Amino acid sequence: MAPEAGTTTPATVTTCDDERTYTRLAGRDGHNQCDRKRRCGGRRERGSVTVELAVGLPTLILLLMASLAAIEVALTKVECVDAARAGARAAARGESAYVAVARLAPTGASTQVDVEKDWVRVTVRVVLTPLDGLLPALPVSASAVASREPGVVVAEVPQ
């Protein structure tokens, strides 16, 4: 016996984890409409998106902060390396290493110049507080060595 025109026919489907059944109603336009009251797991899944967001969002923010801190530390390390190299080159030519380092070093950096018989070593150190103090302080340093030019006296003027 065929259903009358304009009516819906219920179809029972068992696809849930706990093998409970729910009813689908076939609409006139051919689309299925789920009966929300009888759908499996309907009440257990309420608010799950909110919980996932509440757990995921702080994790995402923490990951973003760690990434920004790592980028800040890497950039500071590059600045220290550049300043140490410039200072070592300047000291090897007989110029002031402290002036060369001061132009390129990050704010608050300290400079140490070690002069040996044939070479000069310049070390630049800074204590970095990533994200304006939200993370613990990290020491960042870099050293560079340059061979002294023949006949050049290295100027050792403290900073």
N, C-alpha and C. Protein backbone atom coordinates (compact mmCIF):
# COMPACT_ATOMS: atom_id res chain seq x y z
N MET A 1 0.85 -1.16 0.00
CA MET A 1 0.00 0.00 0.00
C MET A 1 0.90 1.23 0.00
N ALA A 2 0.67 2.15 -0.89
CA ALA A 2 1.47 3.35 -1.04
C ALA A 2 0.91 4.45 -0.15
N PRO A 3 1.80 5.30 0.40
CA PRO A 3 1.31 6.40 1.23
C PRO A 3 0.60 7.43 0.39
N GLU A 4 -0.32 8.13 1.05
CA GLU A 4 -1.09 9.17 0.36
C GLU A 4 -0.18 10.36 0.08
N ALA A 5 -0.54 11.14 -0.92
CA ALA A 5 0.23 12.32 -1.27
C ALA A 5 0.16 13.34 -0.14
N GLY A 6 1.31 13.97 0.19
CA GLY A 6 1.35 15.01 1.20
C GLY A 6 1.57 14.48 2.61
N THR A 7 1.77 13.18 2.80
CA THR A 7 2.02 12.63 4.13
C THR A 7 3.49 12.23 4.23
N THR A 8 3.91 11.98 5.44
CA THR A 8 5.29 11.55 5.66
C THR A 8 5.30 10.12 6.13
N THR A 9 6.38 9.42 5.80
CA THR A 9 6.50 8.03 6.22
C THR A 9 7.67 7.92 7.17
N PRO A 10 7.44 7.39 8.37
CA PRO A 10 8.55 7.24 9.31
C PRO A 10 9.45 6.08 8.90
N ALA A 11 10.74 6.24 9.10
CA ALA A 11 11.70 5.17 8.83
C ALA A 11 12.57 5.01 10.07
N THR A 12 12.70 3.83 10.59
CA THR A 12 13.50 3.59 11.78
C THR A 12 14.92 3.22 11.36
N VAL A 13 15.91 3.90 11.98
CA VAL A 13 17.31 3.67 11.66
C VAL A 13 18.05 3.37 12.94
N THR A 14 18.90 2.35 12.95
CA THR A 14 19.71 2.04 14.14
C THR A 14 21.17 2.26 13.80
N THR A 15 21.65 3.49 14.03
CA THR A 15 23.04 3.80 13.72
C THR A 15 23.78 4.38 14.91
N CYS A 16 23.18 4.42 16.05
CA CYS A 16 23.82 5.04 17.21
C CYS A 16 24.76 4.06 17.90
N ASP A 17 25.64 4.61 18.73
CA ASP A 17 26.61 3.79 19.44
C ASP A 17 25.93 2.81 20.38
N ASP A 18 24.90 3.25 21.04
CA ASP A 18 24.25 2.38 22.01
C ASP A 18 23.06 1.64 21.40
N GLU A 19 22.98 1.63 20.08
CA GLU A 19 21.98 0.90 19.32
C GLU A 19 20.54 1.33 19.64
N ARG A 20 20.37 2.54 20.17
CA ARG A 20 19.00 3.04 20.31
C ARG A 20 18.52 3.49 18.95
N THR A 21 17.25 3.65 18.79
CA THR A 21 16.70 4.03 17.50
C THR A 21 16.21 5.46 17.52
N TYR A 22 16.21 6.07 16.37
CA TYR A 22 15.59 7.37 16.21
C TYR A 22 14.80 7.36 14.92
N THR A 23 13.93 8.32 14.78
CA THR A 23 13.01 8.33 13.65
C THR A 23 13.36 9.44 12.71
N ARG A 24 13.39 9.13 11.42
CA ARG A 24 13.53 10.15 10.40
C ARG A 24 12.20 10.28 9.69
N LEU A 25 11.84 11.51 9.45
CA LEU A 25 10.58 11.76 8.76
C LEU A 25 10.91 12.30 7.38
N ALA A 26 10.42 11.63 6.36
CA ALA A 26 10.66 12.08 4.99
C ALA A 26 9.68 13.19 4.67
N GLY A 27 10.18 14.36 4.34
CA GLY A 27 9.31 15.50 4.03
C GLY A 27 8.77 15.43 2.61
N ARG A 28 7.91 16.32 2.31
CA ARG A 28 7.30 16.35 0.97
C ARG A 28 8.33 16.65 -0.11
N ASP A 29 9.31 17.50 0.23
CA ASP A 29 10.28 17.90 -0.78
C ASP A 29 11.41 16.88 -0.94
N GLY A 30 11.32 15.74 -0.25
CA GLY A 30 12.32 14.70 -0.41
C GLY A 30 13.47 14.79 0.57
N HIS A 31 13.56 15.85 1.38
CA HIS A 31 14.64 15.99 2.35
C HIS A 31 14.24 15.29 3.64
N ASN A 32 15.23 14.76 4.31
CA ASN A 32 14.97 14.11 5.60
C ASN A 32 15.04 15.13 6.71
N GLN A 33 14.15 15.01 7.64
CA GLN A 33 14.13 15.89 8.81
C GLN A 33 14.25 15.01 10.03
N CYS A 34 15.28 15.20 10.83
CA CYS A 34 15.49 14.37 12.01
C CYS A 34 14.58 14.84 13.12
N ASP A 35 14.05 13.89 13.83
CA ASP A 35 13.25 14.19 15.01
C ASP A 35 14.23 14.43 16.16
N ARG A 36 14.43 15.69 16.56
CA ARG A 36 15.45 16.05 17.55
C ARG A 36 15.20 15.43 18.92
N LYS A 37 13.97 15.24 19.28
CA LYS A 37 13.69 14.70 20.61
C LYS A 37 14.10 13.24 20.72
N ARG A 38 14.09 12.53 19.64
CA ARG A 38 14.36 11.11 19.70
C ARG A 38 15.75 10.76 19.14
N ARG A 39 16.52 11.75 18.72
CA ARG A 39 17.83 11.50 18.12
C ARG A 39 18.79 10.96 19.19
N CYS A 40 19.62 10.02 18.82
CA CYS A 40 20.56 9.42 19.77
C CYS A 40 21.62 10.43 20.17
N GLY A 41 21.91 10.51 21.44
CA GLY A 41 22.98 11.35 21.95
C GLY A 41 22.68 12.82 21.91
N GLY A 42 21.50 13.23 21.64
CA GLY A 42 21.18 14.64 21.52
C GLY A 42 21.43 15.42 22.79
N ARG A 43 21.06 14.87 23.90
CA ARG A 43 21.25 15.58 25.18
C ARG A 43 22.69 15.50 25.67
N ARG A 44 23.38 14.42 25.36
CA ARG A 44 24.75 14.26 25.84
C ARG A 44 25.71 15.20 25.13
N GLU A 45 25.41 15.62 23.93
CA GLU A 45 26.32 16.45 23.15
C GLU A 45 26.06 17.93 23.31
N ARG A 46 25.08 18.31 24.09
CA ARG A 46 24.79 19.73 24.28
C ARG A 46 25.95 20.41 24.98
N GLY A 47 26.41 21.53 24.43
CA GLY A 47 27.48 22.32 25.04
C GLY A 47 28.87 21.80 24.76
N SER A 48 29.01 20.79 23.93
CA SER A 48 30.34 20.24 23.68
C SER A 48 31.22 21.24 22.92
N VAL A 49 30.63 22.04 22.06
CA VAL A 49 31.41 23.05 21.34
C VAL A 49 31.94 24.10 22.31
N THR A 50 31.14 24.46 23.27
CA THR A 50 31.56 25.43 24.28
C THR A 50 32.73 24.89 25.10
N VAL A 51 32.65 23.63 25.49
CA VAL A 51 33.72 23.03 26.27
C VAL A 51 34.99 22.93 25.43
N GLU A 52 34.87 22.53 24.18
CA GLU A 52 36.04 22.44 23.31
C GLU A 52 36.67 23.80 23.11
N LEU A 53 35.86 24.82 22.97
CA LEU A 53 36.38 26.18 22.82
C LEU A 53 37.05 26.65 24.11
N ALA A 54 36.44 26.32 25.25
CA ALA A 54 37.00 26.73 26.54
C ALA A 54 38.35 26.06 26.80
N VAL A 55 38.55 24.87 26.31
CA VAL A 55 39.84 24.18 26.47
C VAL A 55 40.81 24.60 25.37
N GLY A 56 40.34 24.73 24.16
CA GLY A 56 41.21 24.99 23.03
C GLY A 56 41.72 26.42 22.92
N LEU A 57 40.90 27.38 23.29
CA LEU A 57 41.28 28.78 23.14
C LEU A 57 42.46 29.17 24.04
N PRO A 58 42.46 28.84 25.34
CA PRO A 58 43.65 29.15 26.14
C PRO A 58 44.91 28.43 25.65
N THR A 59 44.75 27.22 25.16
CA THR A 59 45.89 26.50 24.61
C THR A 59 46.44 27.21 23.39
N LEU A 60 45.56 27.67 22.54
CA LEU A 60 45.97 28.41 21.35
C LEU A 60 46.67 29.72 21.73
N ILE A 61 46.15 30.42 22.72
CA ILE A 61 46.76 31.67 23.17
C ILE A 61 48.13 31.41 23.77
N LEU A 62 48.27 30.35 24.56
CA LEU A 62 49.56 30.00 25.14
C LEU A 62 50.57 29.65 24.05
N LEU A 63 50.15 28.93 23.04
CA LEU A 63 51.02 28.60 21.92
C LEU A 63 51.44 29.85 21.16
N LEU A 64 50.54 30.78 20.97
CA LEU A 64 50.85 32.04 20.31
C LEU A 64 51.86 32.85 21.12
N MET A 65 51.67 32.91 22.45
CA MET A 65 52.61 33.65 23.30
C MET A 65 54.00 33.03 23.27
N ALA A 66 54.07 31.70 23.30
CA ALA A 66 55.36 31.02 23.24
C ALA A 66 56.04 31.29 21.90
N SER A 67 55.28 31.31 20.83
CA SER A 67 55.85 31.60 19.51
C SER A 67 56.38 33.02 19.44
N LEU A 68 55.62 33.97 19.97
CA LEU A 68 56.08 35.36 19.97
C LEU A 68 57.34 35.52 20.82
N ALA A 69 57.41 34.83 21.96
CA ALA A 69 58.60 34.90 22.81
C ALA A 69 59.80 34.30 22.10
N ALA A 70 59.61 33.19 21.39
CA ALA A 70 60.71 32.56 20.66
C ALA A 70 61.22 33.48 19.55
N ILE A 71 60.31 34.16 18.88
CA ILE A 71 60.71 35.11 17.84
C ILE A 71 61.48 36.27 18.44
N GLU A 72 61.02 36.77 19.60
CA GLU A 72 61.71 37.88 20.26
C GLU A 72 63.12 37.47 20.69
N VAL A 73 63.28 36.26 21.22
CA VAL A 73 64.60 35.78 21.63
C VAL A 73 65.51 35.62 20.40
N ALA A 74 64.98 35.08 19.32
CA ALA A 74 65.78 34.90 18.10
C ALA A 74 66.24 36.24 17.53
N LEU A 75 65.36 37.22 17.51
CA LEU A 75 65.74 38.54 17.01
C LEU A 75 66.80 39.20 17.89
N THR A 76 66.67 39.04 19.19
CA THR A 76 67.67 39.59 20.11
C THR A 76 69.01 38.90 19.92
N LYS A 77 68.99 37.59 19.70
CA LYS A 77 70.23 36.85 19.44
C LYS A 77 70.91 37.36 18.17
N VAL A 78 70.13 37.62 17.13
CA VAL A 78 70.69 38.16 15.88
C VAL A 78 71.29 39.54 16.11
N GLU A 79 70.63 40.37 16.89
CA GLU A 79 71.18 41.69 17.21
C GLU A 79 72.50 41.57 17.97
N CYS A 80 72.57 40.63 18.92
CA CYS A 80 73.81 40.43 19.68
C CYS A 80 74.94 39.93 18.77
N VAL A 81 74.62 39.02 17.87
CA VAL A 81 75.63 38.51 16.93
C VAL A 81 76.14 39.63 16.04
N ASP A 82 75.24 40.43 15.50
CA ASP A 82 75.65 41.55 14.64
C ASP A 82 76.53 42.54 15.40
N ALA A 83 76.14 42.86 16.63
CA ALA A 83 76.91 43.82 17.43
C ALA A 83 78.29 43.26 17.77
N ALA A 84 78.35 41.98 18.13
CA ALA A 84 79.64 41.37 18.47
C ALA A 84 80.56 41.34 17.25
N ARG A 85 80.02 41.01 16.08
CA ARG A 85 80.84 41.00 14.87
C ARG A 85 81.36 42.39 14.52
N ALA A 86 80.49 43.37 14.63
CA ALA A 86 80.92 44.75 14.33
C ALA A 86 81.98 45.20 15.33
N GLY A 87 81.81 44.86 16.59
CA GLY A 87 82.79 45.22 17.61
C GLY A 87 84.13 44.54 17.39
N ALA A 88 84.11 43.27 17.01
CA ALA A 88 85.36 42.54 16.77
C ALA A 88 86.09 43.11 15.56
N ARG A 89 85.36 43.43 14.50
CA ARG A 89 85.99 44.04 13.32
C ARG A 89 86.60 45.40 13.67
N ALA A 90 85.85 46.20 14.42
CA ALA A 90 86.36 47.53 14.79
C ALA A 90 87.59 47.41 15.67
N ALA A 91 87.57 46.52 16.65
CA ALA A 91 88.73 46.36 17.54
C ALA A 91 89.94 45.83 16.77
N ALA A 92 89.71 44.96 15.81
CA ALA A 92 90.83 44.43 15.02
C ALA A 92 91.49 45.51 14.17
N ARG A 93 90.72 46.55 13.79
CA ARG A 93 91.27 47.66 13.00
C ARG A 93 91.84 48.76 13.89
N GLY A 94 91.71 48.63 15.20
CA GLY A 94 92.24 49.64 16.11
C GLY A 94 91.22 50.67 16.54
N GLU A 95 89.96 50.50 16.16
CA GLU A 95 88.89 51.43 16.56
C GLU A 95 88.28 50.93 17.86
N SER A 96 87.41 51.74 18.43
CA SER A 96 86.75 51.37 19.68
C SER A 96 85.65 50.34 19.41
N ALA A 97 85.77 49.19 20.05
CA ALA A 97 84.76 48.14 19.91
C ALA A 97 83.46 48.57 20.59
N TYR A 98 83.57 49.34 21.67
CA TYR A 98 82.37 49.74 22.43
C TYR A 98 81.46 50.66 21.62
N VAL A 99 82.06 51.54 20.82
CA VAL A 99 81.26 52.44 19.99
C VAL A 99 80.54 51.64 18.91
N ALA A 100 81.25 50.69 18.29
CA ALA A 100 80.63 49.87 17.24
C ALA A 100 79.51 49.00 17.81
N VAL A 101 79.72 48.45 18.99
CA VAL A 101 78.71 47.60 19.61
C VAL A 101 77.50 48.43 20.03
N ALA A 102 77.73 49.63 20.53
CA ALA A 102 76.63 50.47 21.01
C ALA A 102 75.64 50.80 19.90
N ARG A 103 76.12 50.89 18.65
CA ARG A 103 75.23 51.20 17.53
C ARG A 103 74.25 50.06 17.22
N LEU A 104 74.67 48.81 17.45
CA LEU A 104 73.87 47.67 17.01
C LEU A 104 73.28 46.82 18.12
N ALA A 105 73.81 46.92 19.32
CA ALA A 105 73.39 46.04 20.41
C ALA A 105 71.99 46.39 20.90
N PRO A 106 71.26 45.40 21.43
CA PRO A 106 69.95 45.69 22.01
C PRO A 106 70.09 46.54 23.26
N THR A 107 69.02 47.16 23.66
CA THR A 107 69.02 48.03 24.84
C THR A 107 69.38 47.23 26.08
N GLY A 108 70.28 47.77 26.88
CA GLY A 108 70.67 47.13 28.14
C GLY A 108 71.76 46.08 27.99
N ALA A 109 72.39 46.00 26.83
CA ALA A 109 73.42 44.98 26.61
C ALA A 109 74.73 45.40 27.23
N SER A 110 75.49 44.42 27.69
CA SER A 110 76.83 44.68 28.21
C SER A 110 77.84 44.11 27.21
N THR A 111 79.02 44.73 27.17
CA THR A 111 80.04 44.36 26.20
C THR A 111 81.33 44.01 26.93
N GLN A 112 81.98 42.95 26.49
CA GLN A 112 83.27 42.55 27.04
C GLN A 112 84.23 42.36 25.88
N VAL A 113 85.42 42.98 25.97
CA VAL A 113 86.43 42.87 24.92
C VAL A 113 87.65 42.18 25.52
N ASP A 114 88.05 41.07 24.93
CA ASP A 114 89.24 40.34 25.35
C ASP A 114 90.28 40.45 24.24
N VAL A 115 91.47 40.92 24.59
CA VAL A 115 92.54 41.11 23.61
C VAL A 115 93.65 40.12 23.91
N GLU A 116 94.01 39.36 22.91
CA GLU A 116 95.14 38.44 23.01
C GLU A 116 96.22 38.90 22.04
N LYS A 117 97.23 38.10 21.89
CA LYS A 117 98.36 38.48 21.05
C LYS A 117 97.95 38.72 19.60
N ASP A 118 97.19 37.78 19.00
CA ASP A 118 96.87 37.89 17.59
C ASP A 118 95.38 38.06 17.29
N TRP A 119 94.55 38.07 18.29
CA TRP A 119 93.11 38.13 18.04
C TRP A 119 92.39 38.95 19.09
N VAL A 120 91.16 39.29 18.74
CA VAL A 120 90.28 40.06 19.63
C VAL A 120 88.94 39.32 19.70
N ARG A 121 88.43 39.15 20.91
CA ARG A 121 87.11 38.53 21.10
C ARG A 121 86.19 39.55 21.77
N VAL A 122 85.03 39.75 21.15
CA VAL A 122 84.02 40.67 21.70
C VAL A 122 82.78 39.84 22.05
N THR A 123 82.31 40.00 23.28
CA THR A 123 81.12 39.29 23.75
C THR A 123 80.06 40.31 24.13
N VAL A 124 78.86 40.11 23.63
CA VAL A 124 77.72 40.99 23.93
C VAL A 124 76.68 40.15 24.68
N ARG A 125 76.27 40.64 25.85
CA ARG A 125 75.29 39.92 26.68
C ARG A 125 74.14 40.85 27.02
N VAL A 126 72.95 40.25 27.07
CA VAL A 126 71.76 40.99 27.49
C VAL A 126 70.81 40.01 28.18
N VAL A 127 70.09 40.49 29.18
CA VAL A 127 69.06 39.69 29.83
C VAL A 127 67.73 40.15 29.26
N LEU A 128 67.04 39.22 28.61
CA LEU A 128 65.80 39.54 27.91
C LEU A 128 64.61 39.07 28.74
N THR A 129 63.61 39.91 28.88
CA THR A 129 62.35 39.53 29.52
C THR A 129 61.28 39.50 28.44
N PRO A 130 61.01 38.32 27.87
CA PRO A 130 60.07 38.22 26.75
C PRO A 130 58.67 38.68 27.11
N LEU A 131 58.02 39.29 26.14
CA LEU A 131 56.64 39.76 26.26
C LEU A 131 56.45 40.69 27.46
N ASP A 132 57.39 41.59 27.62
CA ASP A 132 57.36 42.61 28.67
C ASP A 132 57.19 42.03 30.07
N GLY A 133 57.91 40.95 30.35
CA GLY A 133 57.92 40.39 31.69
C GLY A 133 56.88 39.33 31.96
N LEU A 134 56.10 38.94 30.97
CA LEU A 134 55.12 37.88 31.18
C LEU A 134 55.78 36.51 31.31
N LEU A 135 56.97 36.37 30.75
CA LEU A 135 57.72 35.13 30.84
C LEU A 135 59.02 35.38 31.61
N PRO A 136 59.66 34.35 32.13
CA PRO A 136 60.89 34.55 32.91
C PRO A 136 62.02 35.12 32.06
N ALA A 137 62.96 35.79 32.73
CA ALA A 137 64.08 36.42 32.04
C ALA A 137 65.01 35.36 31.45
N LEU A 138 65.52 35.66 30.27
CA LEU A 138 66.42 34.75 29.56
C LEU A 138 67.72 35.47 29.21
N PRO A 139 68.87 34.90 29.56
CA PRO A 139 70.14 35.51 29.14
C PRO A 139 70.43 35.17 27.68
N VAL A 140 70.79 36.19 26.92
CA VAL A 140 71.13 36.01 25.51
C VAL A 140 72.52 36.61 25.32
N SER A 141 73.41 35.86 24.67
CA SER A 141 74.76 36.38 24.44
C SER A 141 75.28 35.89 23.10
N ALA A 142 76.29 36.60 22.62
CA ALA A 142 76.95 36.23 21.37
C ALA A 142 78.39 36.72 21.44
N SER A 143 79.28 35.95 20.83
CA SER A 143 80.70 36.32 20.78
C SER A 143 81.17 36.29 19.34
N ALA A 144 82.16 37.12 19.08
CA ALA A 144 82.80 37.14 17.76
C ALA A 144 84.29 37.32 17.94
N VAL A 145 85.05 36.67 17.09
CA VAL A 145 86.50 36.73 17.15
C VAL A 145 87.02 37.27 15.83
N ALA A 146 88.01 38.17 15.91
CA ALA A 146 88.63 38.71 14.71
C ALA A 146 90.14 38.73 14.89
N SER A 147 90.84 38.51 13.81
CA SER A 147 92.30 38.56 13.82
C SER A 147 92.74 40.02 13.78
N ARG A 148 93.71 40.35 14.64
CA ARG A 148 94.20 41.73 14.69
C ARG A 148 94.99 42.06 13.43
N GLU A 149 94.80 43.29 12.98
CA GLU A 149 95.59 43.78 11.85
C GLU A 149 97.04 43.97 12.31
N PRO A 150 98.00 43.70 11.44
CA PRO A 150 99.41 43.88 11.82
C PRO A 150 99.72 45.34 12.20
N GLY A 151 100.38 45.53 13.29
CA GLY A 151 100.80 46.86 13.72
C GLY A 151 99.71 47.70 14.35
N VAL A 152 98.54 47.16 14.59
CA VAL A 152 97.42 47.92 15.16
C VAL A 152 97.37 47.69 16.67
N VAL A 153 97.23 48.77 17.39
CA VAL A 153 97.06 48.69 18.84
C VAL A 153 95.57 48.77 19.13
N VAL A 154 95.07 47.79 19.85
CA VAL A 154 93.64 47.73 20.15
C VAL A 154 93.34 48.65 21.30
N ALA A 155 92.35 49.51 21.07
CA ALA A 155 91.93 50.46 22.11
C ALA A 155 91.02 49.75 23.08
N GLU A 156 91.42 49.65 24.34
CA GLU A 156 90.58 49.02 25.37
C GLU A 156 90.07 50.09 26.30
N VAL A 157 88.96 50.66 25.94
CA VAL A 157 88.34 51.69 26.77
C VAL A 157 87.09 51.08 27.37
N PRO A 158 86.98 51.02 28.68
CA PRO A 158 85.77 50.45 29.27
C PRO A 158 84.54 51.24 28.88
N GLN A 159 83.44 50.55 28.87
CA GLN A 159 82.18 51.15 28.43
C GLN A 159 81.72 52.24 29.35
